[in-house]
Amino acid sequence: MAHRNARTTVFARRLIVERFLAGWPAARIAEQLGVSRATVHKWVRRYREEGWDGLADRSSRPHTSPNRVAAQIEDRILELRATAHRGAVFLAGELGLVASTVGRVLARHQVPHLAAIDPITGAPVRRRHCGIRYERPHPGDLIHIDVKKLGRVPDGGGWRLRGRREARQSGIGRGIGRGIGYDYLHVAVDDHSRLAYIEALPDERDTTCAGFLHRAVAWFREHGVRVLRVLTDNAKVYRIGQDWRAVCVALGIRRRFTKPGCPWTNGKAERLNRTLLTEFAYAQPWLSNHDRLTALDSWVEHYNTRRAHSALGGRPPITRLAA
């Protein structure tokens, strides 16, 4: 089989050399075989330098790659990808590189696409692609809201800090750790800028959700964003909650709901929930629930002002407001 980039086969090259040695002029050989005279002279020169073996196929890879990323940088890219499970845009923002360069490194090492791996473990998975991607043209046109239920951390740390065996021996594995209850992370994220406001509250009742909405709208207003619409799932608190409805009416906010059975309609909030788990809640072992809740505000600040966002070209959400 001939080289996929070759203009001639090995047989044709041998024919070029044989006819040249027989006294044929280069112009006639080129005409007969449908190649240029330069091609004829190239293969004759290759034969004189290396013999018949010089007519074999060779790799089209260049001898040197002066623009190729250094091996140390490639190792850093692969190491960060293995630990963070993030795309080329995020990795480029963290390492100070260009996203296309990071993408070529990942492709060269045959790193699987993010859609083909589990975001936490990195193990291969099968995913169903559905829904239509969209983005509102202006900040505040649509705010996604959701609640993430998060188990509290027992004092002294849970099994992530102490190990499963010690946790079982101390009783955490038999329900003592789970019996301390949950925190409810109320999440509001702007559709256009991805700017996020998050609070840890004790429940997800009507009054609690309404209060969160009121504070979230005020926070966005402080950042120059006027909220016009809010998108939620079809939970009763959002559908028929009187306090929730009253706040929406008082603030002039139009309510929108996800299509039943299609949680990806509220995908930006769902994606932020997953980021909360992988990069905050489970990113490190915590000594107590108080320690984790105390660190929440600083993490949200980092998310909004410094963290590279793949949907924003590797820039943090706050840059969308500055633009």
Foldseek 3Di string as FASTA:
>chain_A
DADPPDPDRLVLLVVLQVVVVVPDDLVVSCVVVVHDSVVSVVSNVLCVVPNSVSSHDDDPDDPDDVPQDDPVVLVVLVVCCQQQVDALLQSCLVVVHASVNSVVSCVVVVQDDSQQADRANRHGDHDDDDDDDDFDPDWQAEKEKDKDKAQWAAAQFACQVVNPVVNVVVPNVVCPSRVVGIWIWIWIATRHLRQIDIDTDRDDALVVVLVVVVVVQVVVVVLVGHHAEYEYEDDCSCVPNPSNVVSCVVSNHHYHYDDPPCVCVSVSRVVVSVCCVRVQVPVHIDNGRVVSNVCVVVVSVCQQQPRQDPVVSGGHSSVVSVD
